[in-house]
Every structure is written in structure tokens, then in C-alpha cells.
Amino acid sequence: MATPKPQVKSTFATPLCIHFLPVANEVNVDLRALITQRFSAAGGVSQEQGWSSQNDLESWGGNAGQTLFRVLRELADSMTATRAGGRISLDWTIAASGHVRQRGEYRALAARPGAFWSGVYFVDDGYNKSDDPALGGHVELADPRGALPAMVAPQLAFRIPGGGSAGQTESIRPSSGMIVLHPSWQPRGARRYDGDGQRVTIEFDLLPPAS
């Protein structure tokens, strides 16, 4: 009798969705103009972590913003289920802000308490079509378990998909039109950006209706 193979599965998975806005070329022109106008009106000055607007972009994002938010709500519905696995359609509340980053700026890792889904949309990645890795600015996602998986034997990893980054971070090189969606309890940040162009993004949180 053959020896059965071990059954291995990943438990308590952390979902991550990377999607591209189908009409990015059309809406990004308007979104970039709206956000950079706000940036200029605020004095055009940013700090180490860049400039950000208030969380009210939905009120001034115009038709382009509404197009993006409609896609975000649909994406959140497709990634969410009842505990029994049933499909849902929720009236998500969106809190969104515009961001501008320039050379030398970054975004510290942080979770987003009070929301269910969070993420970032790249209006303009700032790379000007360059694929030079030295430009930096990668999205950084931290293991929500913190350093715990790497505390006992940091030289070891789990032999499963994604097991090599346990207790550390994973990164994604962004591009214009990209949506990164993740659970709000997962810390997200951005590594130091060293491009010459302005990076323009929209950070957002999605809150389900009160039960």
C-alpha cells in the first residue's frame, strides 16, 4: 500500500486583490488635475510622507471619481461573502483622499481601524514608463501577524506559496490604473519614492453598512 501524501493547506488566509481600472486612461486625466489642483491650492508643500487631502474626495472627485468608486464597490462585493459563503451586495461607504508624493517621500506602514476593505488607486505612478527598479516607491504590505512567525528561527520559512515572507513584508511595484485592495487590518505603506515625476494616488477605505 502506497504511503499517502501529507495534506497541506493554508489556513486563515489574508486576501489581496490587484485589479486595473478598465477606463483608467479616460478618468486619470481628470483625477490627476483635480488632485494636483488641491495640492497647489494648499501651497504645494509636502512632508516626508507626501501631501494628502481630507477624506472627502467623493464630494469633489466629479464623474471620474464616481466611476472609480463604482468599480471599488463592485470589487468589494465580489471579494466579500456571508459566513455561509453567500454572495452579497452592500451599500459601501467610501472614505477617500487624494495624495501627491515626490522624490524622497514615502508612506509609513499602518492599518486602517474601523473599515473592512482598504486600498490605493494609482492615478499616476510617476515612473514616466520607466522600469528602473531604483525608482522605488513600491506598495508595501506587512504580515498582519507581525514579527511573530520569524521570532524563533528567522532563517527558516514555510514551504507553501507565500511562506517565504512570513513575519516580514511583501511589495508590489505599482503602475498607473492599478487598484490594490486588502483587508483594513493589514498594514500597508509605500517605500521611498525616487522618481522625478509626481506620484498621484487615491487612498480609500470601504465601510459596510451598520448591521
Protein backbone atom coordinates (compact mmCIF):
# COMPACT_ATOMS: atom_id res chain seq x y z
CA MET A 1 0.00 0.00 0.00
CA ALA A 2 1.38 3.40 -1.03
CA THR A 3 2.06 5.89 1.71
CA PRO A 4 -0.45 8.75 1.41
CA LYS A 5 0.99 12.21 0.80
CA PRO A 6 0.67 14.83 3.55
CA GLN A 7 -2.35 17.08 3.20
CA VAL A 8 -1.19 20.71 3.28
CA LYS A 9 -3.42 23.76 3.14
CA SER A 10 -3.11 27.42 4.11
CA THR A 11 -5.34 28.49 7.00
CA PHE A 12 -6.57 31.98 7.91
CA ALA A 13 -5.53 33.40 4.57
CA THR A 14 -5.12 37.15 4.02
CA PRO A 15 -6.76 38.12 0.71
CA LEU A 16 -5.10 40.60 -1.59
CA CYS A 17 -6.66 41.82 -4.83
CA ILE A 18 -4.79 43.60 -7.62
CA HIS A 19 -7.04 44.96 -10.34
CA PHE A 20 -6.79 47.53 -13.13
CA LEU A 21 -9.45 50.14 -13.73
CA PRO A 22 -10.82 49.36 -17.22
CA VAL A 23 -11.29 53.04 -18.09
CA ALA A 24 -8.11 54.33 -16.42
CA ASN A 25 -6.91 56.26 -19.47
CA GLU A 26 -10.15 58.24 -19.55
CA VAL A 27 -10.57 59.06 -15.85
CA ASN A 28 -6.94 59.55 -14.79
CA VAL A 29 -6.56 62.81 -16.69
CA ASP A 30 -9.43 64.35 -14.72
CA LEU A 31 -8.45 62.78 -11.39
CA ARG A 32 -4.86 63.95 -11.71
CA ALA A 33 -5.96 67.50 -12.47
CA LEU A 34 -8.39 67.62 -9.54
CA ILE A 35 -5.87 66.27 -7.02
CA THR A 36 -2.90 68.37 -8.15
CA GLN A 37 -5.10 71.48 -8.14
CA ARG A 38 -5.91 70.81 -4.49
CA PHE A 39 -2.23 70.22 -3.81
CA SER A 40 -1.29 73.54 -5.42
CA ALA A 41 -4.09 75.40 -3.61
CA ALA A 42 -2.71 74.05 -0.32
CA GLY A 43 0.66 75.60 -1.13
CA GLY A 44 2.27 72.73 -3.00
CA VAL A 45 4.27 71.77 0.06
CA SER A 46 4.57 68.19 1.28
CA GLN A 47 6.28 66.49 4.20
CA GLU A 48 8.30 63.27 4.38
CA GLN A 49 5.19 61.20 3.73
CA GLY A 50 3.85 63.45 0.99
CA TRP A 51 0.73 65.60 0.79
CA SER A 52 -2.79 64.32 1.38
CA SER A 53 -6.24 65.86 1.14
CA GLN A 54 -9.08 65.34 3.58
CA ASN A 55 -11.07 62.09 3.37
CA ASP A 56 -13.77 63.77 1.29
CA LEU A 57 -12.65 63.08 -2.27
CA GLU A 58 -16.04 61.59 -3.08
CA SER A 59 -17.55 65.08 -2.74
CA TRP A 60 -15.16 66.75 -5.22
CA GLY A 61 -13.93 63.90 -7.43
CA GLY A 62 -16.54 64.57 -10.13
CA ASN A 63 -17.65 61.97 -12.65
CA ALA A 64 -14.18 60.44 -12.80
CA GLY A 65 -14.24 59.83 -9.06
CA GLN A 66 -17.71 58.32 -9.20
CA THR A 67 -16.56 55.95 -11.94
CA LEU A 68 -13.67 54.77 -9.76
CA PHE A 69 -15.86 54.41 -6.67
CA ARG A 70 -18.43 52.36 -8.57
CA VAL A 71 -15.70 49.92 -9.58
CA LEU A 72 -14.36 49.81 -6.00
CA ARG A 73 -17.82 48.98 -4.61
CA GLU A 74 -18.28 46.23 -7.19
CA LEU A 75 -14.83 44.87 -6.41
CA ALA A 76 -15.55 44.86 -2.67
CA ASP A 77 -18.83 42.99 -3.29
CA SER A 78 -17.01 40.37 -5.37
CA MET A 79 -14.42 39.85 -2.60
CA THR A 80 -16.91 39.64 0.29
CA ALA A 81 -19.28 36.88 1.34
CA THR A 82 -21.58 35.91 4.17
CA ARG A 83 -20.17 33.50 6.74
CA ALA A 84 -22.04 30.75 4.87
CA GLY A 85 -20.26 31.70 1.64
CA GLY A 86 -23.18 33.50 0.03
CA ARG A 87 -22.74 36.42 -2.33
CA ILE A 88 -23.53 39.91 -1.09
CA SER A 89 -24.32 43.35 -2.46
CA LEU A 90 -23.72 46.10 0.09
CA ASP A 91 -24.08 49.86 0.16
CA TRP A 92 -20.43 50.51 0.96
CA THR A 93 -19.46 53.88 2.42
CA ILE A 94 -16.19 55.15 0.93
CA ALA A 95 -13.76 57.49 2.64
CA ALA A 96 -11.11 58.54 0.11
CA SER A 97 -8.31 61.08 -0.05
CA GLY A 98 -6.00 62.33 -2.77
CA HIS A 99 -2.23 62.05 -2.32
CA VAL A 100 0.81 63.56 -4.01
CA ARG A 101 4.33 62.24 -3.42
CA GLN A 102 7.60 63.49 -4.80
CA ARG A 103 11.21 62.36 -4.73
CA GLY A 104 12.33 61.14 -1.32
CA GLU A 105 8.84 60.68 0.13
CA TYR A 106 7.28 57.51 1.45
CA ARG A 107 4.26 56.19 3.39
CA ALA A 108 4.69 54.53 6.79
CA LEU A 109 3.08 51.14 7.35
CA ALA A 110 -0.32 51.47 9.01
CA ALA A 111 -3.55 49.57 9.44
CA ARG A 112 -6.93 51.27 8.96
CA PRO A 113 -9.15 50.71 12.02
CA GLY A 114 -12.90 50.97 11.53
CA ALA A 115 -13.05 49.83 7.90
CA PHE A 116 -13.44 46.39 6.26
CA TRP A 117 -11.50 46.88 2.99
CA SER A 118 -8.79 49.44 2.28
CA GLY A 119 -6.54 50.16 -0.63
CA VAL A 120 -4.87 52.54 -3.00
CA TYR A 121 -5.50 53.54 -6.61
CA PHE A 122 -2.64 54.83 -8.76
CA VAL A 123 -3.71 57.79 -10.86
CA ASP A 124 -0.10 58.43 -11.94
CA ASP A 125 2.71 56.16 -10.78
CA GLY A 126 5.28 58.87 -11.56
CA TYR A 127 7.61 56.45 -13.33
CA ASN A 128 7.06 58.03 -16.77
CA LYS A 129 7.02 54.50 -18.26
CA SER A 130 10.46 53.65 -16.83
CA ASP A 131 11.01 50.15 -15.44
CA ASP A 132 14.10 51.16 -13.46
CA PRO A 133 13.83 49.41 -10.04
CA ALA A 134 15.95 52.18 -8.48
CA LEU A 135 12.92 54.49 -8.65
CA GLY A 136 11.45 52.64 -5.65
CA GLY A 137 8.00 53.57 -4.39
CA HIS A 138 6.69 50.01 -4.12
CA VAL A 139 3.49 49.32 -2.22
CA GLU A 140 4.48 47.51 0.97
CA LEU A 141 2.18 45.07 2.78
CA ALA A 142 3.13 43.73 6.20
CA ASP A 143 2.35 40.34 7.67
CA PRO A 144 -0.64 41.06 9.96
CA ARG A 145 0.82 38.59 12.47
CA GLY A 146 3.72 40.97 12.92
CA ALA A 147 7.20 39.57 13.51
CA LEU A 148 5.84 36.52 15.38
CA PRO A 149 6.44 33.93 12.58
CA ALA A 150 10.11 34.97 12.37
CA MET A 151 10.87 35.24 16.09
CA VAL A 152 12.07 31.70 16.84
CA ALA A 153 14.04 30.86 13.68
CA PRO A 154 14.27 33.88 11.36
CA GLN A 155 16.44 31.91 8.93
CA LEU A 156 13.58 29.46 8.22
CA ALA A 157 10.38 29.85 6.20
CA PHE A 158 7.26 27.83 5.40
CA ARG A 159 7.31 25.67 2.28
CA ILE A 160 3.98 26.90 0.96
CA PRO A 161 3.04 29.63 -1.53
CA GLY A 162 3.80 32.96 0.16
CA GLY A 163 5.53 31.25 3.10
CA GLY A 164 8.88 32.89 2.44
CA SER A 165 7.71 36.30 3.67
CA ALA A 166 6.20 35.14 6.98
CA GLY A 167 6.84 37.78 9.61
CA GLN A 168 8.15 40.21 7.02
CA THR A 169 6.68 42.33 4.21
CA GLU A 170 5.77 41.84 0.58
CA SER A 171 5.96 44.55 -2.08
CA ILE A 172 4.19 45.38 -5.33
CA ARG A 173 5.55 47.71 -7.99
CA PRO A 174 2.60 49.95 -8.89
CA SER A 175 1.54 51.23 -12.27
CA SER A 176 -0.98 53.85 -13.33
CA GLY A 177 -4.51 52.46 -13.28
CA MET A 178 -3.73 49.80 -10.65
CA ILE A 179 -6.05 49.14 -7.71
CA VAL A 180 -4.62 47.38 -4.65
CA LEU A 181 -7.36 46.14 -2.28
CA HIS A 182 -6.65 44.45 1.06
CA PRO A 183 -8.28 43.90 4.47
CA SER A 184 -8.15 47.08 6.53
CA TRP A 185 -6.39 45.32 9.41
CA GLN A 186 -3.38 44.55 7.20
CA PRO A 187 -0.73 47.28 7.49
CA ARG A 188 0.06 48.98 4.18
CA GLY A 189 2.62 51.60 3.27
CA ALA A 190 4.84 52.71 0.41
CA ARG A 191 8.61 52.55 0.17
CA ARG A 192 10.66 55.67 -0.55
CA TYR A 193 9.86 57.02 -3.99
CA ASP A 194 12.84 58.31 -6.01
CA GLY A 195 11.25 59.20 -9.34
CA ASP A 196 11.32 62.66 -10.90
CA GLY A 197 7.60 62.76 -11.70
CA GLN A 198 4.81 63.47 -9.25
CA ARG A 199 3.12 60.34 -7.93
CA VAL A 200 -0.63 60.86 -7.62
CA THR A 201 -2.77 58.33 -5.77
CA ILE A 202 -6.14 57.88 -4.12
CA GLU A 203 -6.20 56.03 -0.79
CA PHE A 204 -9.57 54.67 0.29
CA ASP A 205 -11.42 52.75 2.98
CA LEU A 206 -14.69 50.86 2.45
CA LEU A 207 -17.09 50.52 5.38
CA PRO A 208 -20.11 48.19 5.24
CA PRO A 209 -23.49 49.49 6.42
CA ALA A 210 -24.16 49.15 10.13
CA SER A 211 -25.89 45.88 10.94
